[in-house]
C-alpha atoms as a PDB file:
ATOM      1  CA  MET A   1      -0.030   0.377   0.534  1.00  0.00           C
ATOM      2  CA  THR A   2       1.490   3.514  -0.967  1.00  0.00           C
ATOM      3  CA  MET A   3       1.836   6.011   1.890  1.00  0.00           C
ATOM      4  CA  PHE A   4       0.996   9.581   0.942  1.00  0.00           C
ATOM      5  CA  LYS A   5       2.559  12.135   2.455  1.00  0.00           C
ATOM      6  CA  THR A   6      -0.407  14.998   2.298  1.00  0.00           C
ATOM      7  CA  PHE A   7      -4.096  14.813   1.616  1.00  0.00           C
ATOM      8  CA  GLY A   8      -4.230  16.475  -1.498  1.00  0.00           C
ATOM      9  CA  GLU A   9      -2.105  13.410  -3.137  1.00  0.00           C
ATOM     10  CA  TYR A  10      -4.042  10.833  -1.540  1.00  0.00           C
ATOM     11  CA  MET A  11      -7.475  12.624  -2.839  1.00  0.00           C
ATOM     12  CA  TYR A  12      -5.511  12.903  -6.260  1.00  0.00           C
ATOM     13  CA  THR A  13      -4.711   9.075  -6.422  1.00  0.00           C
ATOM     14  CA  LEU A  14      -8.435   8.491  -5.903  1.00  0.00           C
ATOM     15  CA  LEU A  15      -9.430  10.040  -9.257  1.00  0.00           C
ATOM     16  CA  PHE A  16      -9.615   7.517 -11.805  1.00  0.00           C
ATOM     17  CA  SER A  17      -7.478   7.385 -14.803  1.00  0.00           C
ATOM     18  CA  PRO A  18      -8.983   9.936 -17.182  1.00  0.00           C
ATOM     19  CA  LEU A  19      -9.356  12.699 -14.556  1.00  0.00           C
ATOM     20  CA  ARG A  20      -5.347  11.830 -14.052  1.00  0.00           C
ATOM     21  CA  ARG A  21      -4.327  12.436 -17.162  1.00  0.00           C
ATOM     22  CA  GLY A  22      -1.840  14.918 -18.508  1.00  0.00           C
ATOM     23  CA  ARG A  23       1.370  16.580 -16.414  1.00  0.00           C
ATOM     24  CA  GLN A  24       0.235  17.072 -13.064  1.00  0.00           C
ATOM     25  CA  SER A  25       1.603  20.724 -12.954  1.00  0.00           C
ATOM     26  CA  LEU A  26      -1.373  21.790 -16.055  1.00  0.00           C
ATOM     27  CA  ASN A  27      -4.054  19.274 -14.182  1.00  0.00           C
ATOM     28  CA  GLN A  28      -6.810  21.299 -12.729  1.00  0.00           C
ATOM     29  CA  PHE A  29      -7.872  18.407 -10.102  1.00  0.00           C
ATOM     30  CA  TYR A  30      -4.733  18.135  -9.081  1.00  0.00           C
ATOM     31  CA  ILE A  31      -4.517  21.778  -8.165  1.00  0.00           C
ATOM     32  CA  PHE A  32      -7.569  21.841  -6.115  1.00  0.00           C
ATOM     33  CA  PHE A  33      -6.533  19.150  -4.389  1.00  0.00           C
ATOM     34  CA  LYS A  34      -2.736  20.353  -3.936  1.00  0.00           C
ATOM     35  CA  VAL A  35      -4.320  23.691  -2.237  1.00  0.00           C
ATOM     36  CA  MET A  36      -7.186  22.057  -0.441  1.00  0.00           C
ATOM     37  CA  GLY A  37      -5.176  19.453   0.733  1.00  0.00           C
ATOM     38  CA  ARG A  38      -2.799  21.875   2.897  1.00  0.00           C
ATOM     39  CA  SER A  39      -5.638  23.274   4.676  1.00  0.00           C
ATOM     40  CA  PHE A  40      -6.940  19.580   5.419  1.00  0.00           C
ATOM     41  CA  ASP A  41      -3.727  19.218   7.119  1.00  0.00           C
ATOM     42  CA  GLN A  42      -3.115  22.122   8.507  1.00  0.00           C
ATOM     43  CA  CYS A  43      -6.420  20.831  10.250  1.00  0.00           C
ATOM     44  CA  LYS A  44      -5.110  17.736  11.066  1.00  0.00           C
ATOM     45  CA  GLU A  45      -2.275  19.137  12.614  1.00  0.00           C
ATOM     46  CA  ALA A  46      -4.570  21.612  14.909  1.00  0.00           C
ATOM     47  CA  LEU A  47      -6.773  18.835  15.856  1.00  0.00           C
ATOM     48  CA  LEU A  48      -3.628  16.482  16.724  1.00  0.00           C
ATOM     49  CA  ARG A  49      -2.549  19.134  18.662  1.00  0.00           C
ATOM     50  CA  VAL A  50      -5.953  19.958  20.434  1.00  0.00           C
ATOM     51  CA  ARG A  51      -5.873  16.135  21.173  1.00  0.00           C
ATOM     52  CA  GLU A  52      -1.966  16.429  22.975  1.00  0.00           C
ATOM     53  CA  GLU A  53      -2.832  19.324  25.098  1.00  0.00           C
ATOM     54  CA  ALA A  54      -6.162  17.982  26.562  1.00  0.00           C
ATOM     55  CA  SER A  55      -4.435  15.471  28.825  1.00  0.00           C
ATOM     56  CA  VAL A  56      -2.679  16.322  31.533  1.00  0.00           C
ATOM     57  CA  LEU A  57      -0.267  13.410  30.562  1.00  0.00           C
ATOM     58  CA  THR A  58       0.979  15.003  27.339  1.00  0.00           C
ATOM     59  CA  CYS A  59       0.158  18.471  27.210  1.00  0.00           C
ATOM     60  CA  SER A  60       2.243  21.463  26.813  1.00  0.00           C
ATOM     61  CA  ASP A  61       4.249  22.897  30.364  1.00  0.00           C
ATOM     62  CA  ALA A  62       2.697  26.426  29.603  1.00  0.00           C
ATOM     63  CA  MET A  63      -0.941  24.050  29.790  1.00  0.00           C
ATOM     64  CA  LEU A  64      -0.814  22.326  33.261  1.00  0.00           C
ATOM     65  CA  PRO A  65      -1.701  25.683  35.109  1.00  0.00           C
ATOM     66  CA  VAL A  66      -4.997  25.641  32.941  1.00  0.00           C
ATOM     67  CA  HIS A  67      -5.637  21.763  34.379  1.00  0.00           C
ATOM     68  CA  GLY A  68      -4.862  22.872  37.093  1.00  0.00           C
ATOM     69  CA  ALA A  69      -7.500  25.364  37.403  1.00  0.00           C
ATOM     70  CA  ASP A  70      -9.857  23.232  36.246  1.00  0.00           C
ATOM     71  CA  ARG A  71      -8.955  20.553  38.754  1.00  0.00           C
ATOM     72  CA  ASP A  72      -9.064  22.778  41.716  1.00  0.00           C
ATOM     73  CA  MET A  73      -5.499  22.611  42.431  1.00  0.00           C
ATOM     74  CA  LEU A  74      -2.520  25.166  41.693  1.00  0.00           C
ATOM     75  CA  ARG A  75       0.958  24.209  41.823  1.00  0.00           C
ATOM     76  CA  LEU A  76       2.403  24.535  45.293  1.00  0.00           C
ATOM     77  CA  GLN A  77       5.804  26.441  46.230  1.00  0.00           C
ATOM     78  CA  GLY A  78       8.819  24.171  45.225  1.00  0.00           C
ATOM     79  CA  GLU A  79       6.482  21.666  43.375  1.00  0.00           C
ATOM     80  CA  THR A  80       8.397  20.722  39.577  1.00  0.00           C
ATOM     81  CA  VAL A  81       6.731  20.370  36.805  1.00  0.00           C
ATOM     82  CA  ASP A  82       6.771  16.405  36.517  1.00  0.00           C
ATOM     83  CA  ASN A  83       5.244  16.274  40.125  1.00  0.00           C
ATOM     84  CA  TYR A  84       2.507  18.746  39.773  1.00  0.00           C
ATOM     85  CA  ARG A  85       1.581  16.903  36.277  1.00  0.00           C
ATOM     86  CA  ARG A  86       1.664  13.531  38.283  1.00  0.00           C
ATOM     87  CA  ARG A  87      -0.718  15.150  41.398  1.00  0.00           C
ATOM     88  CA  LEU A  88      -3.485  16.404  38.266  1.00  0.00           C
ATOM     89  CA  ALA A  89      -3.195  12.869  36.902  1.00  0.00           C
ATOM     90  CA  MET A  90      -4.011  11.356  40.168  1.00  0.00           C
ATOM     91  CA  LYS A  91      -6.918  14.067  41.455  1.00  0.00           C
ATOM     92  CA  GLY A  92      -9.532  11.696  39.520  1.00  0.00           C
ATOM     93  CA  ALA A  93      -8.247   8.745  41.968  1.00  0.00           C
ATOM     94  CA  ILE A  94      -7.723  10.639  45.436  1.00  0.00           C
ATOM     95  CA  SER A  95     -11.288  12.669  44.921  1.00  0.00           C
ATOM     96  CA  GLU A  96     -13.051   9.009  43.996  1.00  0.00           C
ATOM     97  CA  MET A  97     -11.603   8.107  47.012  1.00  0.00           C
ATOM     98  CA  ALA A  98     -11.970  10.933  49.266  1.00  0.00           C
ATOM     99  CA  GLY A  99     -12.244   9.706  52.919  1.00  0.00           C
ATOM    100  CA  LEU A 100     -11.110   6.623  52.760  1.00  0.00           C
ATOM    101  CA  ASN A 101      -7.533   5.471  54.034  1.00  0.00           C
ATOM    102  CA  SER A 102      -7.219   4.547  50.457  1.00  0.00           C
ATOM    103  CA  GLY A 103      -7.414   8.146  49.175  1.00  0.00           C
ATOM    104  CA  ILE A 104      -4.684   9.084  51.911  1.00  0.00           C
ATOM    105  CA  ARG A 105      -2.498   6.272  50.591  1.00  0.00           C
ATOM    106  CA  TYR A 106      -2.985   7.803  47.029  1.00  0.00           C
ATOM    107  CA  LEU A 107      -2.033  11.468  48.205  1.00  0.00           C
ATOM    108  CA  ALA A 108       0.880  10.820  49.862  1.00  0.00           C
ATOM    109  CA  GLN A 109       2.282   8.506  46.630  1.00  0.00           C
ATOM    110  CA  ALA A 110       0.995  12.156  44.714  1.00  0.00           C
ATOM    111  CA  PHE A 111       3.335  13.636  47.528  1.00  0.00           C
ATOM    112  CA  GLY A 112       6.215  11.329  46.901  1.00  0.00           C
ATOM    113  CA  TYR A 113       5.535   9.426  50.139  1.00  0.00           C
ATOM    114  CA  ASP A 114       5.877   5.322  49.942  1.00  0.00           C
ATOM    115  CA  GLU A 115       4.658   4.060  53.232  1.00  0.00           C
ATOM    116  CA  VAL A 116       1.813   5.691  54.928  1.00  0.00           C
ATOM    117  CA  ASN A 117       0.463   3.974  58.147  1.00  0.00           C
ATOM    118  CA  ILE A 118      -3.285   5.088  59.518  1.00  0.00           C
ATOM    119  CA  GLU A 119      -3.790   4.871  63.548  1.00  0.00           C
ATOM    120  CA  PRO A 120      -7.215   5.258  64.488  1.00  0.00           C
ATOM    121  CA  GLY A 121      -7.639   7.913  67.172  1.00  0.00           C
ATOM    122  CA  GLU A 122      -6.755   6.816  70.624  1.00  0.00           C
ATOM    123  CA  LYS A 123     -10.632   7.753  71.894  1.00  0.00           C
ATOM    124  CA  PRO A 124     -13.168   5.893  70.800  1.00  0.00           C
ATOM    125  CA  ASP A 125     -16.112   7.783  70.312  1.00  0.00           C
ATOM    126  CA  HIS A 126     -14.009  10.220  68.442  1.00  0.00           C
ATOM    127  CA  TRP A 127     -13.867   7.764  65.030  1.00  0.00           C
ATOM    128  CA  ALA A 128     -13.621  10.295  62.436  1.00  0.00           C
ATOM    129  CA  GLU A 129      -9.896  11.589  64.066  1.00  0.00           C
ATOM    130  CA  ALA A 130      -6.474   9.904  62.737  1.00  0.00           C
ATOM    131  CA  THR A 131      -2.549   9.837  62.399  1.00  0.00           C
ATOM    132  CA  VAL A 132      -1.300   9.553  59.762  1.00  0.00           C
ATOM    133  CA  TRP A 133       1.989   8.392  59.526  1.00  0.00           C
ATOM    134  CA  PHE A 134       4.327   9.534  56.160  1.00  0.00           C
ATOM    135  CA  ILE A 135       7.449   7.260  56.234  1.00  0.00           C
ATOM    136  CA  GLY A 136      10.348   7.761  53.889  1.00  0.00           C
ATOM    137  CA  GLY A 137       9.945   7.194  50.298  1.00  0.00           C
ATOM    138  CA  ASN A 138      10.988  10.029  47.293  1.00  0.00           C
ATOM    139  CA  ILE A 139       9.585  12.924  49.227  1.00  0.00           C
ATOM    140  CA  VAL A 140       8.636  15.721  46.628  1.00  0.00           C
ATOM    141  CA  LEU A 141       7.421  18.376  49.538  1.00  0.00           C
ATOM    142  CA  ASP A 142       8.260  18.318  52.697  1.00  0.00           C
ATOM    143  CA  ASP A 143       6.082  21.148  54.219  1.00  0.00           C
ATOM    144  CA  ARG A 144       4.059  19.780  57.442  1.00  0.00           C
ATOM    145  CA  THR A 145       1.239  22.657  57.413  1.00  0.00           C
ATOM    146  CA  LEU A 146       0.688  22.183  53.116  1.00  0.00           C
ATOM    147  CA  LEU A 147       0.464  18.083  53.615  1.00  0.00           C
ATOM    148  CA  LEU A 148      -2.055  18.711  56.739  1.00  0.00           C
ATOM    149  CA  GLN A 149      -4.166  20.888  54.427  1.00  0.00           C
ATOM    150  CA  GLU A 150      -4.138  18.891  51.332  1.00  0.00           C
ATOM    151  CA  LEU A 151      -5.548  16.072  53.783  1.00  0.00           C
ATOM    152  CA  ASN A 152      -8.063  17.865  55.287  1.00  0.00           C
ATOM    153  CA  LYS A 153      -9.353  18.286  52.040  1.00  0.00           C
ATOM    154  CA  ILE A 154     -10.068  15.115  50.978  1.00  0.00           C
ATOM    155  CA  LYS A 155     -11.570  14.276  54.181  1.00  0.00           C
ATOM    156  CA  PRO A 156     -15.369  14.973  54.876  1.00  0.00           C
ATOM    157  CA  ALA A 157     -15.619  14.949  58.923  1.00  0.00           C
ATOM    158  CA  ARG A 158     -15.062  17.947  60.872  1.00  0.00           C
ATOM    159  CA  THR A 159     -12.542  16.320  62.854  1.00  0.00           C
ATOM    160  CA  LEU A 160      -9.448  16.989  61.765  1.00  0.00           C
ATOM    161  CA  LEU A 161      -6.484  14.521  60.683  1.00  0.00           C
ATOM    162  CA  HIS A 162      -3.204  14.755  62.949  1.00  0.00           C
ATOM    163  CA  LEU A 163       0.280  13.898  60.536  1.00  0.00           C
ATOM    164  CA  ALA A 164       3.472  12.293  61.809  1.00  0.00           C
ATOM    165  CA  LYS A 165       6.292  11.610  60.003  1.00  0.00           C
ATOM    166  CA  GLU A 166       8.964   9.329  59.899  1.00  0.00           C
ATOM    167  CA  GLN A 167      11.931   9.461  57.627  1.00  0.00           C
ATOM    168  CA  GLN A 168      13.862   6.317  56.909  1.00  0.00           C
ATOM    169  CA  TYR A 169      17.483   6.044  56.315  1.00  0.00           C
ATOM    170  CA  GLU A 170      19.433   3.221  54.464  1.00  0.00           C
ATOM    171  CA  ALA A 171      22.447   2.804  55.701  1.00  0.00           C
ATOM    172  CA  PRO A 172      24.248  -0.245  56.165  1.00  0.00           C
ATOM    173  CA  PHE A 173      24.395  -1.774  59.807  1.00  0.00           C
ATOM    174  CA  TYR A 174      27.748  -4.244  60.777  1.00  0.00           C
ATOM    175  CA  LEU A 175      27.052  -6.033  63.824  1.00  0.00           C
ATOM    176  CA  ALA A 176      29.836  -8.994  64.397  1.00  0.00           C
ATOM    177  CA  ALA A 177      31.285 -11.031  66.565  1.00  0.00           C
ATOM    178  CA  ALA A 178      34.789 -12.874  66.110  1.00  0.00           C
ATOM    179  CA  ILE A 179      36.020 -14.948  68.113  1.00  0.00           C
ATOM    180  CA  GLU A 180      40.241 -14.551  68.503  1.00  0.00           C
ATOM    181  CA  ARG A 181      42.450 -16.567  70.887  1.00  0.00           C
ATOM    182  CA  GLY A 182      39.805 -17.103  73.665  1.00  0.00           C
ATOM    183  CA  ARG A 183      38.945 -13.405  73.708  1.00  0.00           C
ATOM    184  CA  GLN A 184      35.591 -11.912  71.970  1.00  0.00           C
ATOM    185  CA  MET A 185      36.107  -9.069  69.714  1.00  0.00           C
ATOM    186  CA  THR A 186      33.271  -6.821  69.099  1.00  0.00           C
ATOM    187  CA  ILE A 187      33.445  -4.609  65.665  1.00  0.00           C
ATOM    188  CA  GLU A 188      31.253  -1.664  65.762  1.00  0.00           C
ATOM    189  CA  GLN A 189      30.668   1.070  62.902  1.00  0.00           C
ATOM    190  CA  GLU A 190      30.422   4.742  64.489  1.00  0.00           C
END
């Protein structure tokens, strides 16, 4: 099958052969399809660009604030473009699960935290209170008030969540003992 570069070339090949006879530069159908094909090609490019800009994952950086305004999510101070794009893409899942533990976990993932533990409050009559532990990960923003604000946006109850953070660092920890001529030697890392 022949691949065509422009829409005009494609339309010209659809003509039956008596209308395609003669030199292309003198053929009125070829000239018409060449001019109209240019317009159709420009329309196709514009439509493909609109399709790319309509999606949060493929839009340009200049279009992200428009998507953010549509979802009522402004870009946070210190947030990179990729993390903002990721947070905008997760907005639907976070809103769908608002008030649930899974929604809180999705929100934590949007901010770069790998693990979240949610502990219910100490008082059984305060059923909506909980402590949220953010543990480790590739942290995007490390602002406590901002995290609390975003958490309480997705929690529909009047009582607010408490925030606790635990940062885990990976480091080698050597603990060994060796017996040497009746003595015990302990090797420690400082």
